[in-house]
Amino acid sequence: MRKSYSEMIALPTFKERLEYLKINDQYVGNTTFGGHRTLNQALYKSPIWKSIRNAVIIRDKGCDLADPDHPINGSVYIHHINPITVEELENRSPSVFDIDNLVAVSFETHNQIHYGTDARTNELIERSPNDTIPWRN
């Protein structure tokens, strides 16, 4: 299922947007670029990427997941909603530069999309007796 910024932006809350974008372990453990890291590093230094990056930040008003209640204080990351592959980079696929496949996120949100839940979504963790004891006999 291909996801898009157009679909994500229609979701009213930060939590819903985050859930929509989560990869759900689909790519965890897979090497994104492995020995080809120079490819994506060249992309991120290119004039076309810098231009698109600026357009995304402006469109999202510097806010995490384009949510006005979540301004990004610090570095802004541009997240590919649908992960890109080495082949897409090598072939300069339109999906690499498609603004509907990009969203501005904070470092924390980027990690949450890839690796887990976010405390900012106010999810409660169920506690149990003695769960603060580091070891048990």
Protein backbone atom coordinates (compact mmCIF):
# COMPACT_ATOMS: atom_id res chain seq x y z
CA MET A 1 0.00 0.00 0.00
CA ARG A 2 1.48 3.35 -1.05
CA LYS A 3 1.01 6.13 1.43
CA SER A 4 0.98 9.82 0.63
CA TYR A 5 1.22 13.25 2.18
CA SER A 6 -2.21 14.03 0.72
CA GLU A 7 -3.75 11.19 2.74
CA MET A 8 -1.72 11.91 5.87
CA ILE A 9 -2.58 15.61 5.97
CA ALA A 10 -6.30 14.78 6.02
CA LEU A 11 -5.83 13.07 9.40
CA PRO A 12 -6.69 15.59 12.12
CA THR A 13 -4.31 14.62 14.94
CA PHE A 14 -0.58 14.17 15.36
CA LYS A 15 -1.19 10.69 16.76
CA GLU A 16 -3.24 9.62 13.73
CA ARG A 17 -0.59 10.97 11.36
CA LEU A 18 2.17 9.17 13.24
CA GLU A 19 0.23 5.90 13.21
CA TYR A 20 -0.42 6.29 9.48
CA LEU A 21 3.27 6.75 8.74
CA LYS A 22 4.64 4.02 11.02
CA ILE A 23 6.52 1.34 9.17
CA ASN A 24 5.49 -1.33 11.71
CA ASP A 25 8.76 -3.28 11.58
CA GLN A 26 8.40 -3.71 7.82
CA TYR A 27 11.94 -2.48 7.20
CA VAL A 28 13.52 -2.82 10.65
CA GLY A 29 16.66 -4.91 10.30
CA ASN A 30 16.79 -4.38 6.54
CA THR A 31 19.74 -2.40 5.31
CA THR A 32 18.44 0.73 3.66
CA PHE A 33 21.53 1.55 1.64
CA GLY A 34 24.31 -0.56 3.15
CA GLY A 35 27.43 -0.12 1.01
CA HIS A 36 25.58 2.41 -1.13
CA ARG A 37 25.37 5.15 1.54
CA THR A 38 27.32 7.48 -0.75
CA LEU A 39 24.31 7.49 -3.09
CA ASN A 40 21.89 8.95 -0.59
CA GLN A 41 24.55 11.29 0.80
CA ALA A 42 25.10 12.66 -2.73
CA LEU A 43 21.32 13.08 -3.04
CA TYR A 44 21.06 15.09 0.18
CA LYS A 45 23.85 17.44 -0.96
CA SER A 46 22.41 18.01 -4.44
CA PRO A 47 20.85 21.35 -5.44
CA ILE A 48 17.56 19.68 -6.48
CA TRP A 49 17.21 17.99 -3.08
CA LYS A 50 18.02 21.20 -1.20
CA SER A 51 15.33 22.99 -3.20
CA ILE A 52 12.73 20.28 -2.54
CA ARG A 53 13.72 20.12 1.13
CA ASN A 54 13.12 23.86 1.48
CA ALA A 55 9.74 23.53 -0.30
CA VAL A 56 8.67 20.78 2.14
CA ILE A 57 9.72 22.81 5.20
CA ILE A 58 7.82 25.83 3.89
CA ARG A 59 4.74 23.75 3.03
CA ASP A 60 4.75 22.13 6.50
CA LYS A 61 5.51 25.50 8.17
CA GLY A 62 8.42 23.95 10.06
CA CYS A 63 6.03 21.72 12.00
CA ASP A 64 6.38 18.04 12.83
CA LEU A 65 4.09 16.04 10.53
CA ALA A 66 2.73 19.43 9.39
CA ASP A 67 0.85 19.72 12.70
CA PRO A 68 0.79 23.37 13.85
CA ASP A 69 0.71 22.21 17.49
CA HIS A 70 4.11 20.51 17.00
CA PRO A 71 6.70 23.07 15.82
CA ILE A 72 10.11 21.53 15.24
CA ASN A 73 12.68 23.05 17.59
CA GLY A 74 16.00 21.87 16.23
CA SER A 75 16.95 19.96 13.12
CA VAL A 76 14.28 19.34 10.51
CA TYR A 77 14.39 15.96 8.80
CA ILE A 78 12.63 15.26 5.53
CA HIS A 79 11.09 11.81 5.68
CA HIS A 80 10.26 9.71 2.61
CA ILE A 81 6.78 8.43 3.39
CA ASN A 82 7.39 5.41 1.16
CA PRO A 83 11.01 4.32 1.71
CA ILE A 84 13.25 4.72 -1.32
CA THR A 85 15.54 2.04 -2.68
CA VAL A 86 19.04 2.03 -4.15
CA GLU A 87 17.53 1.42 -7.59
CA GLU A 88 15.21 4.43 -7.25
CA LEU A 89 18.19 6.60 -6.31
CA GLU A 90 20.35 5.27 -9.14
CA ASN A 91 17.57 5.80 -11.68
CA ARG A 92 16.55 9.20 -10.25
CA SER A 93 13.01 7.88 -9.85
CA PRO A 94 10.31 10.56 -9.52
CA SER A 95 9.31 9.04 -6.14
CA VAL A 96 12.62 10.26 -4.69
CA PHE A 97 11.65 13.88 -5.44
CA ASP A 98 7.85 13.62 -5.21
CA ILE A 99 6.69 16.21 -2.67
CA ASP A 100 3.61 14.03 -1.98
CA ASN A 101 6.07 11.38 -0.71
CA LEU A 102 7.82 13.78 1.70
CA VAL A 103 7.03 15.30 5.09
CA ALA A 104 8.98 17.39 7.60
CA VAL A 105 9.66 15.59 10.89
CA SER A 106 11.78 15.96 14.01
CA PHE A 107 14.53 13.46 14.79
CA GLU A 108 12.35 11.90 17.49
CA THR A 109 9.37 11.50 15.17
CA HIS A 110 11.57 10.03 12.44
CA ASN A 111 12.79 7.39 14.88
CA GLN A 112 9.23 6.71 16.05
CA ILE A 113 8.08 6.15 12.47
CA HIS A 114 10.81 3.57 11.99
CA TYR A 115 11.17 1.96 15.42
CA GLY A 116 8.26 2.35 17.82
CA THR A 117 5.67 4.31 19.71
CA ASP A 118 6.03 7.89 20.82
CA ALA A 119 5.44 9.18 24.34
CA ARG A 120 3.94 12.36 22.83
CA THR A 121 0.92 10.35 21.67
CA ASN A 122 -0.05 9.93 25.36
CA GLU A 123 -0.18 6.15 25.16
CA LEU A 124 -0.29 4.64 28.63
CA ILE A 125 2.05 1.85 29.62
CA GLU A 126 0.40 -0.74 31.82
CA ARG A 127 2.30 -1.11 35.06
CA SER A 128 2.64 -4.28 37.13
CA PRO A 129 3.73 -4.95 40.72
CA ASN A 130 7.52 -4.88 41.16
CA ASP A 131 8.14 -3.71 37.59
CA THR A 132 10.78 -1.29 38.86
CA ILE A 133 12.93 -4.05 40.35
CA PRO A 134 15.91 -4.59 38.01
CA TRP A 135 16.13 -8.31 38.79
CA ARG A 136 14.17 -10.88 40.68
CA ASN A 137 15.29 -13.90 42.66
